[in-house]
Amino acid sequence: MKSPILMVVVLWIMCIAARVRAVEPDVAGDSSPTMSLLPWTVAPLEEDPTIRRVLQLLEGVSPYEVPPLPLREDSRYANTPDELEPFGYVQPYKRHFLRQMEYTGAGRAIPEPTHVDSVKIGFLGPIEPTVSVATGGKSHEENLGRSMLR
């Protein structure tokens, strides 16, 4: 092997292959095949009671209703530590982005159209910047593209 990167990749693949355990009996006696690439075991997640309550609130709501979910309010943006708080430990006049924004789902209450004869398409043609005679060069304020289809 001439390339050291290729050698590292091959060694990495060999190490991963050595860690794979083929078939391992489960605690309950189930002998389903399990593949493990990690040297440690991951503990099962405990169920959060707030998630269960949110799911129960969402089950009884139709697509045309807004679910009665409480919005979360944080004391600081993104759990910023004290050392990184702006304004030198002085409280600012306004604090933004601390209240969770309400999201009810994009377009879930818009019904499908029943009868569609045509669809209008807008198209911006080839983007060709021109040289302005007045300024002697290209302008950053120039509209690019031509309306080709209406």
C-alpha atoms as a PDB file:
ATOM      1  CA  MET A   1       0.000   0.000   0.000  1.00  0.00           C
ATOM      2  CA  LYS A   2       1.482   3.262  -1.118  1.00  0.00           C
ATOM      3  CA  SER A   3      -1.004   5.656   0.424  1.00  0.00           C
ATOM      4  CA  PRO A   4      -0.980   6.143   4.224  1.00  0.00           C
ATOM      5  CA  ILE A   5      -4.629   7.241   4.102  1.00  0.00           C
ATOM      6  CA  LEU A   6      -5.628   3.974   2.476  1.00  0.00           C
ATOM      7  CA  MET A   7      -3.705   2.064   5.142  1.00  0.00           C
ATOM      8  CA  VAL A   8      -5.505   3.949   7.928  1.00  0.00           C
ATOM      9  CA  VAL A   9      -8.877   3.232   6.311  1.00  0.00           C
ATOM     10  CA  VAL A  10      -8.078  -0.480   6.009  1.00  0.00           C
ATOM     11  CA  LEU A  11      -6.940  -0.647   9.655  1.00  0.00           C
ATOM     12  CA  TRP A  12     -10.098   1.161  10.756  1.00  0.00           C
ATOM     13  CA  ILE A  13     -12.289  -1.299   8.838  1.00  0.00           C
ATOM     14  CA  MET A  14     -10.405  -4.228  10.371  1.00  0.00           C
ATOM     15  CA  CYS A  15     -10.926  -2.817  13.893  1.00  0.00           C
ATOM     16  CA  ILE A  16     -14.641  -2.337  13.266  1.00  0.00           C
ATOM     17  CA  ALA A  17     -14.951  -5.851  11.845  1.00  0.00           C
ATOM     18  CA  ALA A  18     -13.232  -7.279  14.925  1.00  0.00           C
ATOM     19  CA  ARG A  19     -15.828  -5.633  17.204  1.00  0.00           C
ATOM     20  CA  VAL A  20     -18.859  -7.070  15.417  1.00  0.00           C
ATOM     21  CA  ARG A  21     -20.470  -9.806  17.463  1.00  0.00           C
ATOM     22  CA  ALA A  22     -22.530 -12.202  15.388  1.00  0.00           C
ATOM     23  CA  VAL A  23     -25.326 -13.843  17.355  1.00  0.00           C
ATOM     24  CA  GLU A  24     -25.767 -13.198  21.048  1.00  0.00           C
ATOM     25  CA  PRO A  25     -28.623 -14.615  23.169  1.00  0.00           C
ATOM     26  CA  ASP A  26     -30.805 -12.015  24.806  1.00  0.00           C
ATOM     27  CA  VAL A  27     -31.439 -11.843  28.572  1.00  0.00           C
ATOM     28  CA  ALA A  28     -34.948 -13.253  28.147  1.00  0.00           C
ATOM     29  CA  GLY A  29     -33.651 -16.203  26.123  1.00  0.00           C
ATOM     30  CA  ASP A  30     -34.446 -14.712  22.710  1.00  0.00           C
ATOM     31  CA  SER A  31     -31.726 -15.643  20.243  1.00  0.00           C
ATOM     32  CA  SER A  32     -32.343 -12.893  17.705  1.00  0.00           C
ATOM     33  CA  PRO A  33     -29.175 -11.758  15.899  1.00  0.00           C
ATOM     34  CA  THR A  34     -27.704  -8.538  17.265  1.00  0.00           C
ATOM     35  CA  MET A  35     -24.865  -6.594  15.695  1.00  0.00           C
ATOM     36  CA  SER A  36     -22.825  -4.287  17.899  1.00  0.00           C
ATOM     37  CA  LEU A  37     -20.181  -1.882  16.618  1.00  0.00           C
ATOM     38  CA  LEU A  38     -19.744  -0.048  19.908  1.00  0.00           C
ATOM     39  CA  PRO A  39     -17.682  -1.281  22.848  1.00  0.00           C
ATOM     40  CA  TRP A  40     -20.303   0.019  25.297  1.00  0.00           C
ATOM     41  CA  THR A  41     -24.011  -0.547  25.683  1.00  0.00           C
ATOM     42  CA  VAL A  42     -26.555   2.233  25.383  1.00  0.00           C
ATOM     43  CA  ALA A  43     -29.035   2.449  28.237  1.00  0.00           C
ATOM     44  CA  PRO A  44     -32.694   2.623  27.198  1.00  0.00           C
ATOM     45  CA  LEU A  45     -34.212   6.086  27.337  1.00  0.00           C
ATOM     46  CA  GLU A  46     -36.692   6.771  30.091  1.00  0.00           C
ATOM     47  CA  GLU A  47     -40.022   8.074  28.892  1.00  0.00           C
ATOM     48  CA  ASP A  48     -40.587  11.739  29.655  1.00  0.00           C
ATOM     49  CA  PRO A  49     -44.074  12.398  31.131  1.00  0.00           C
ATOM     50  CA  THR A  50     -44.335  15.735  29.316  1.00  0.00           C
ATOM     51  CA  ILE A  51     -43.945  13.987  25.953  1.00  0.00           C
ATOM     52  CA  ARG A  52     -46.794  11.615  26.817  1.00  0.00           C
ATOM     53  CA  ARG A  53     -49.003  14.609  27.764  1.00  0.00           C
ATOM     54  CA  VAL A  54     -48.167  16.470  24.525  1.00  0.00           C
ATOM     55  CA  LEU A  55     -48.981  13.384  22.452  1.00  0.00           C
ATOM     56  CA  GLN A  56     -52.342  13.024  24.214  1.00  0.00           C
ATOM     57  CA  LEU A  57     -53.159  16.666  23.428  1.00  0.00           C
ATOM     58  CA  LEU A  58     -52.246  16.180  19.760  1.00  0.00           C
ATOM     59  CA  GLU A  59     -54.336  13.027  19.306  1.00  0.00           C
ATOM     60  CA  GLY A  60     -57.687  14.764  19.739  1.00  0.00           C
ATOM     61  CA  VAL A  61     -56.999  17.667  17.360  1.00  0.00           C
ATOM     62  CA  SER A  62     -58.175  17.780  13.740  1.00  0.00           C
ATOM     63  CA  PRO A  63     -56.004  19.343  11.005  1.00  0.00           C
ATOM     64  CA  TYR A  64     -58.114  22.504  11.168  1.00  0.00           C
ATOM     65  CA  GLU A  65     -57.614  23.149  14.891  1.00  0.00           C
ATOM     66  CA  VAL A  66     -54.661  24.587  16.763  1.00  0.00           C
ATOM     67  CA  PRO A  67     -53.544  22.222  19.537  1.00  0.00           C
ATOM     68  CA  PRO A  68     -53.672  23.713  23.068  1.00  0.00           C
ATOM     69  CA  LEU A  69     -49.955  23.288  23.740  1.00  0.00           C
ATOM     70  CA  PRO A  70     -48.127  25.482  26.255  1.00  0.00           C
ATOM     71  CA  LEU A  71     -45.236  27.472  24.809  1.00  0.00           C
ATOM     72  CA  ARG A  72     -41.867  27.169  26.505  1.00  0.00           C
ATOM     73  CA  GLU A  73     -40.102  30.251  27.871  1.00  0.00           C
ATOM     74  CA  ASP A  74     -36.366  30.174  28.518  1.00  0.00           C
ATOM     75  CA  SER A  75     -34.556  32.389  30.988  1.00  0.00           C
ATOM     76  CA  ARG A  76     -31.645  32.820  28.584  1.00  0.00           C
ATOM     77  CA  TYR A  77     -31.163  32.209  24.875  1.00  0.00           C
ATOM     78  CA  ALA A  78     -29.753  28.732  24.070  1.00  0.00           C
ATOM     79  CA  ASN A  79     -28.667  28.172  27.713  1.00  0.00           C
ATOM     80  CA  THR A  80     -25.838  30.668  27.310  1.00  0.00           C
ATOM     81  CA  PRO A  81     -23.423  30.593  30.279  1.00  0.00           C
ATOM     82  CA  ASP A  82     -22.890  33.694  32.438  1.00  0.00           C
ATOM     83  CA  GLU A  83     -19.437  34.343  30.981  1.00  0.00           C
ATOM     84  CA  LEU A  84     -20.861  34.701  27.465  1.00  0.00           C
ATOM     85  CA  GLU A  85     -23.878  36.848  28.299  1.00  0.00           C
ATOM     86  CA  PRO A  86     -23.694  40.166  26.413  1.00  0.00           C
ATOM     87  CA  PHE A  87     -23.911  43.673  27.907  1.00  0.00           C
ATOM     88  CA  GLY A  88     -21.325  43.046  30.649  1.00  0.00           C
ATOM     89  CA  TYR A  89     -23.681  41.513  33.240  1.00  0.00           C
ATOM     90  CA  VAL A  90     -26.227  44.348  32.760  1.00  0.00           C
ATOM     91  CA  GLN A  91     -29.832  43.403  31.991  1.00  0.00           C
ATOM     92  CA  PRO A  92     -30.796  44.538  28.461  1.00  0.00           C
ATOM     93  CA  TYR A  93     -33.911  46.603  27.828  1.00  0.00           C
ATOM     94  CA  LYS A  94     -35.468  43.896  25.621  1.00  0.00           C
ATOM     95  CA  ARG A  95     -34.732  40.198  25.386  1.00  0.00           C
ATOM     96  CA  HIS A  96     -35.723  38.466  22.166  1.00  0.00           C
ATOM     97  CA  PHE A  97     -36.107  34.792  21.162  1.00  0.00           C
ATOM     98  CA  LEU A  98     -36.835  33.506  24.658  1.00  0.00           C
ATOM     99  CA  ARG A  99     -40.467  32.539  24.035  1.00  0.00           C
ATOM    100  CA  GLN A 100     -40.998  29.504  21.839  1.00  0.00           C
ATOM    101  CA  MET A 101     -42.619  30.355  18.501  1.00  0.00           C
ATOM    102  CA  GLU A 102     -45.989  28.750  17.861  1.00  0.00           C
ATOM    103  CA  TYR A 103     -46.007  26.337  14.929  1.00  0.00           C
ATOM    104  CA  THR A 104     -49.251  24.741  13.863  1.00  0.00           C
ATOM    105  CA  GLY A 105     -48.004  22.907  10.785  1.00  0.00           C
ATOM    106  CA  ALA A 106     -47.320  24.202   7.307  1.00  0.00           C
ATOM    107  CA  GLY A 107     -50.455  23.986   5.176  1.00  0.00           C
ATOM    108  CA  ARG A 108     -52.066  21.143   7.062  1.00  0.00           C
ATOM    109  CA  ALA A 109     -55.455  22.884   7.113  1.00  0.00           C
ATOM    110  CA  ILE A 110     -55.456  23.861   3.423  1.00  0.00           C
ATOM    111  CA  PRO A 111     -57.787  21.488   1.549  1.00  0.00           C
ATOM    112  CA  GLU A 112     -56.804  20.006  -1.798  1.00  0.00           C
ATOM    113  CA  PRO A 113     -58.343  21.791  -4.824  1.00  0.00           C
ATOM    114  CA  THR A 114     -61.233  19.897  -6.390  1.00  0.00           C
ATOM    115  CA  HIS A 115     -61.033  21.118 -10.003  1.00  0.00           C
ATOM    116  CA  VAL A 116     -57.799  22.355 -11.622  1.00  0.00           C
ATOM    117  CA  ASP A 117     -57.833  23.315 -15.332  1.00  0.00           C
ATOM    118  CA  SER A 118     -54.478  25.055 -15.593  1.00  0.00           C
ATOM    119  CA  VAL A 119     -51.456  26.023 -13.564  1.00  0.00           C
ATOM    120  CA  LYS A 120     -49.731  29.382 -14.054  1.00  0.00           C
ATOM    121  CA  ILE A 121     -45.958  29.229 -14.156  1.00  0.00           C
ATOM    122  CA  GLY A 122     -43.634  32.178 -13.752  1.00  0.00           C
ATOM    123  CA  PHE A 123     -40.221  31.942 -15.372  1.00  0.00           C
ATOM    124  CA  LEU A 124     -37.232  34.265 -15.254  1.00  0.00           C
ATOM    125  CA  GLY A 125     -35.331  33.889 -18.479  1.00  0.00           C
ATOM    126  CA  PRO A 126     -31.622  33.892 -19.017  1.00  0.00           C
ATOM    127  CA  ILE A 127     -29.813  36.037 -16.501  1.00  0.00           C
ATOM    128  CA  GLU A 128     -27.863  38.493 -18.631  1.00  0.00           C
ATOM    129  CA  PRO A 129     -26.387  41.502 -16.895  1.00  0.00           C
ATOM    130  CA  THR A 130     -25.870  44.523 -19.126  1.00  0.00           C
ATOM    131  CA  VAL A 131     -23.374  47.336 -18.975  1.00  0.00           C
ATOM    132  CA  SER A 132     -24.943  50.626 -17.968  1.00  0.00           C
ATOM    133  CA  VAL A 133     -24.055  53.542 -20.222  1.00  0.00           C
ATOM    134  CA  ALA A 134     -24.776  56.087 -17.482  1.00  0.00           C
ATOM    135  CA  THR A 135     -22.421  54.584 -14.893  1.00  0.00           C
ATOM    136  CA  GLY A 136     -19.955  53.058 -17.321  1.00  0.00           C
ATOM    137  CA  GLY A 137     -20.170  49.565 -15.827  1.00  0.00           C
ATOM    138  CA  LYS A 138     -22.336  46.891 -14.289  1.00  0.00           C
ATOM    139  CA  SER A 139     -24.823  47.951 -11.654  1.00  0.00           C
ATOM    140  CA  HIS A 140     -25.594  45.919  -8.555  1.00  0.00           C
ATOM    141  CA  GLU A 141     -29.121  47.377  -8.592  1.00  0.00           C
ATOM    142  CA  GLU A 142     -29.937  46.042 -12.045  1.00  0.00           C
ATOM    143  CA  ASN A 143     -32.805  43.570 -12.295  1.00  0.00           C
ATOM    144  CA  LEU A 144     -31.579  40.286 -13.712  1.00  0.00           C
ATOM    145  CA  GLY A 145     -33.659  37.986 -15.890  1.00  0.00           C
ATOM    146  CA  ARG A 146     -36.524  38.618 -18.292  1.00  0.00           C
ATOM    147  CA  SER A 147     -40.134  37.635 -17.823  1.00  0.00           C
ATOM    148  CA  MET A 148     -40.522  34.886 -20.428  1.00  0.00           C
ATOM    149  CA  LEU A 149     -43.917  33.358 -19.662  1.00  0.00           C
ATOM    150  CA  ARG A 150     -47.082  34.754 -18.137  1.00  0.00           C
END
